[in-house]
Protein backbone atom coordinates (compact mmCIF):
# COMPACT_ATOMS: atom_id res chain seq x y z
CA MET A 1 167.89 58.18 75.00
CA GLU A 2 164.57 59.54 76.29
CA LEU A 3 164.03 63.08 77.75
CA GLU A 4 163.62 61.88 81.17
CA ASP A 5 166.75 59.64 81.04
CA ARG A 6 168.81 62.74 80.15
CA LEU A 7 167.01 64.73 82.86
CA ALA A 8 168.15 61.91 85.52
CA VAL A 9 171.41 61.76 83.99
CA LYS A 10 171.58 65.65 84.32
CA LEU A 11 170.91 65.42 88.29
CA LEU A 12 173.87 62.88 88.39
CA ALA A 13 175.95 65.33 87.12
CA GLN A 14 174.81 68.10 89.47
CA ALA A 15 175.29 65.33 92.62
CA GLN A 16 179.11 64.96 90.88
CA ALA A 17 179.70 68.81 91.25
CA LEU A 18 178.08 68.88 94.46
CA LEU A 19 180.45 66.72 95.84
CA GLY A 20 183.32 67.86 94.22
CA LYS A 21 182.53 70.95 96.22
CA ALA A 22 182.36 68.95 99.46
CA VAL A 23 185.93 67.27 98.61
CA ASN A 24 187.28 70.85 98.01
CA GLU A 25 185.78 72.39 101.16
CA THR A 26 187.04 69.63 103.39
CA LEU A 27 190.64 69.96 101.84
CA CYS A 28 190.41 73.35 103.17
CA THR A 29 192.64 74.37 106.58
CA HIS A 30 189.90 75.20 108.30
CA PRO A 31 186.70 72.99 106.87
CA ASP A 32 183.10 74.47 107.37
CA ARG A 33 181.59 71.20 108.31
CA ARG A 34 177.97 72.80 107.88
CA LEU A 35 178.69 73.38 104.36
CA VAL A 36 180.13 69.88 103.75
CA ARG A 37 177.09 68.38 105.34
CA ALA A 38 174.58 70.42 103.59
CA LEU A 39 176.24 69.73 100.18
CA VAL A 40 176.45 66.10 100.77
CA ASP A 41 172.84 65.92 101.93
CA GLU A 42 171.72 67.82 98.87
CA ALA A 43 173.96 65.48 96.47
CA GLN A 44 172.55 62.37 98.24
CA ALA A 45 168.99 63.96 97.74
CA MET A 46 169.73 64.59 93.59
CA ILE A 47 171.15 60.92 93.60
CA ALA A 48 168.27 59.25 95.14
CA GLU A 49 165.81 61.40 92.86
CA PHE A 50 168.25 60.00 89.59
CA GLY A 51 167.54 56.40 91.02
CA ASP A 52 163.98 56.87 91.06
CA THR A 53 163.51 58.18 87.65
CA TYR A 54 166.26 56.13 85.89
CA PHE A 55 165.72 52.75 87.37
CA GLU A 56 162.17 52.80 88.79
CA ASP A 57 160.23 54.34 86.16
CA ARG A 58 162.26 52.32 83.60
CA THR A 59 161.48 49.14 85.38
CA GLY A 60 157.72 49.52 84.15
CA LYS A 61 158.79 50.21 80.46
CA ASP A 62 161.17 47.40 79.97
CA GLN A 63 158.42 44.90 81.12
CA ALA A 64 156.02 46.36 78.59
CA ALA A 65 158.47 46.31 75.89
CA SER A 66 159.10 42.72 76.71
CA GLY A 67 155.50 41.81 77.45
C-alpha cells in the first residue's frame, strides 16, 4: 500500500472516530446539536478528502499502469 493510500485510510479512520463521538453526543439526555453538527461536518470533510485521495488519484495511476 502506498503512502498516499495509507494517509487516506487514516483520514477515514479519523472520520469514523468523529462519527462515533457524534453518535455518543446524540444519545445524551440533552445533546448539543451544534456539537453534533460540527462533528458531522468535519467527518464529511474528511470523507470527501479520503475519496479525493484514495479514488481519484488512484484512477490516474491505474490507467497508467494498464496502458
